[in-house]
Protein backbone atom coordinates (compact mmCIF):
# COMPACT_ATOMS: atom_id res chain seq x y z
CA MET A 1 0.00 0.00 0.00
CA ARG A 2 1.32 3.38 -0.94
CA LEU A 3 1.54 6.16 1.61
CA GLU A 4 -0.58 8.46 -0.61
CA TYR A 5 -3.62 6.26 -0.01
CA LEU A 6 -3.72 6.83 3.76
CA PRO A 7 -5.55 10.21 3.56
CA ILE A 8 -8.11 8.64 1.24
CA LEU A 9 -8.69 5.76 3.65
CA PHE A 10 -8.81 8.10 6.67
CA GLY A 11 -11.22 10.48 4.88
CA ALA A 12 -13.47 7.57 3.87
CA VAL A 13 -13.70 6.37 7.48
CA ILE A 14 -14.58 9.90 8.63
CA ALA A 15 -17.18 10.33 5.86
CA LEU A 16 -18.76 6.96 6.70
CA SER A 17 -19.05 7.95 10.36
CA GLY A 18 -20.79 11.14 9.23
CA ILE A 19 -23.19 9.10 7.10
CA ALA A 20 -23.89 6.94 10.16
CA LEU A 21 -24.74 10.07 12.17
CA VAL A 22 -27.13 11.28 9.47
CA ALA A 23 -28.77 7.83 9.31
CA ASP A 24 -29.13 7.80 13.11
CA ALA A 25 -30.85 11.18 12.94
CA TRP A 26 -33.32 10.03 10.27
CA LEU A 27 -34.15 6.54 11.51
CA PRO A 28 -36.80 6.18 14.23
CA ASP A 29 -35.70 5.36 17.75
CA GLN A 30 -36.33 1.94 19.20
CA GLU A 31 -37.39 1.99 22.84
CA VAL A 32 -35.36 -0.71 24.58
CA ARG A 33 -35.65 0.59 28.15
CA VAL A 34 -38.35 -1.15 30.14
CA GLN A 35 -38.33 1.19 33.11
CA GLU A 36 -36.54 4.49 33.53
CA ARG A 37 -34.16 4.44 36.48
CA ARG A 38 -33.04 8.06 36.40
CA ARG A 39 -34.46 10.69 38.72
CA ARG A 40 -34.05 13.56 36.28
CA CYS A 41 -35.65 14.00 32.88
CA ARG A 42 -33.40 13.07 29.99
CA ALA A 43 -32.58 15.80 27.53
CA GLU A 44 -33.88 14.98 24.06
CA ARG A 45 -31.49 15.22 21.17
CA ASN A 46 -32.34 17.49 18.29
CA ARG A 47 -32.53 15.33 15.18
CA ARG A 48 -31.87 18.21 12.80
CA GLY A 49 -28.84 19.20 14.84
CA GLU A 50 -27.53 15.64 14.75
CA ALA A 51 -28.05 15.52 10.98
CA MET A 52 -26.15 18.82 10.62
CA ILE A 53 -23.27 17.40 12.66
CA GLY A 54 -23.27 14.32 10.42
CA LEU A 55 -23.27 16.41 7.23
CA GLY A 56 -20.43 18.51 8.64
CA VAL A 57 -18.40 15.37 9.33
CA VAL A 58 -19.13 14.13 5.79
CA ALA A 59 -17.94 17.48 4.35
CA LEU A 60 -14.73 17.29 6.37
CA GLY A 61 -14.17 13.68 5.24
CA VAL A 62 -14.63 14.74 1.60
CA ALA A 63 -12.13 17.57 2.11
CA ILE A 64 -9.59 15.11 3.53
CA ILE A 65 -10.12 12.74 0.61
CA ALA A 66 -9.76 15.56 -1.95
CA ARG A 67 -6.58 16.95 -0.36
CA ASP A 68 -5.10 19.75 -2.49
CA ALA A 69 -6.26 18.32 -5.82
CA TRP A 70 -9.77 19.80 -5.55
CA SER A 71 -10.25 23.56 -5.57
CA GLY A 72 -13.38 23.32 -3.43
CA SER A 73 -11.72 21.67 -0.45
CA LEU A 74 -11.44 25.00 1.39
CA PHE A 75 -15.17 25.54 0.88
CA ALA A 76 -15.89 22.00 2.14
CA VAL A 77 -13.85 22.62 5.30
CA GLY A 78 -15.66 25.91 5.94
CA LEU A 79 -19.05 24.35 5.33
CA GLY A 80 -18.20 21.36 7.52
CA GLY A 81 -17.02 23.58 10.37
CA ALA A 82 -20.14 25.75 10.15
CA LEU A 83 -22.45 22.73 10.12
CA LEU A 84 -20.63 21.24 13.11
CA MET A 85 -21.00 24.46 15.09
CA ILE A 86 -24.69 24.91 14.22
CA GLY A 87 -25.46 21.27 15.03
CA ALA A 88 -23.61 21.51 18.35
CA MET A 89 -25.54 24.66 19.26
CA MET A 90 -28.84 22.94 18.42
CA ASN A 91 -27.88 19.98 20.66
CA ARG A 92 -26.22 21.94 23.46
CA GLU A 93 -28.62 20.70 26.17
CA TYR A 94 -28.10 17.07 25.16
CA LEU A 95 -24.32 17.46 24.90
CA ARG A 96 -24.21 19.24 28.27
CA GLU A 97 -26.09 16.38 29.91
CA GLN A 98 -23.84 13.77 28.33
CA LEU A 99 -20.67 15.55 29.48
CA ASP A 100 -21.70 16.88 32.90
CA PHE A 101 -23.85 14.18 34.45
CA ARG A 102 -21.41 11.28 34.61
CA GLY A 103 -20.92 9.06 37.60
CA PRO A 104 -23.17 8.57 40.64
CA ALA A 105 -26.35 10.60 40.95
CA ARG A 106 -26.35 13.65 43.20
CA ARG A 107 -29.37 14.93 45.10
CA ASP A 108 -29.51 18.48 43.82
CA PRO A 109 -32.66 20.31 45.03
CA THR A 110 -32.76 22.41 41.85
CA THR A 111 -33.04 19.34 39.60
CA ARG A 112 -36.22 19.06 37.54
CA LEU A 113 -37.59 15.65 38.52
CA LYS A 114 -39.71 13.34 36.41
CA PRO A 115 -43.43 13.17 37.18
CA GLY A 116 -44.15 10.69 39.97
CA MET A 117 -40.66 10.83 41.51
CA PRO A 118 -40.50 11.75 45.20
CA SER A 119 -38.97 15.12 45.91
CA PRO A 120 -36.08 15.29 48.39
CA PRO A 121 -36.83 16.65 51.86
CA PRO A 122 -36.36 20.44 52.09
CA HIS A 123 -33.78 20.17 54.90
CA GLU A 124 -31.47 17.85 52.94
CA LYS A 125 -28.50 19.77 51.59
CA TYR A 126 -26.60 19.08 48.41
CA ARG A 127 -23.72 16.78 49.25
CA VAL A 128 -21.06 15.12 47.16
CA ARG A 129 -20.22 11.61 48.28
C-alpha cells in the first residue's frame, strides 16, 4: 500500500461515520428501556442538529479525501465547520447532559424531577459523596 492512499482511507472512514450520524438522525428510535431508572428527565437530542453534525463530518471527510487536488476543499472545510457548530448549538442541552452528568447521581434540590418521583426533603442539603 502506498503512503498516498492513507488520507483517502482516513477520509473515507470519517465520511462513513458522518453518514452513520445522518442515518441515526433520520431513523426512528427503538425503545429498549423497560423502566426508567433516572431521577431527572433526559434531555432529548435534536434530530436536525444531529443531521447537521453528520453532514459537517461528511464534508470534512470529503475535504480530507480531496486533499489539495480539488479547488473546493477549502469551501468544504468551511461548510463542515459551520455545520458542526450549528449542530452543536442545536444539541447543546443534550451534549451538556452527556458531558456533565457522569458518575453517581447527586441529590440536587434544583433538579427538575420526572413526574411521579418523590422530591427530596427540604432540609437535605446538596452533598457530594
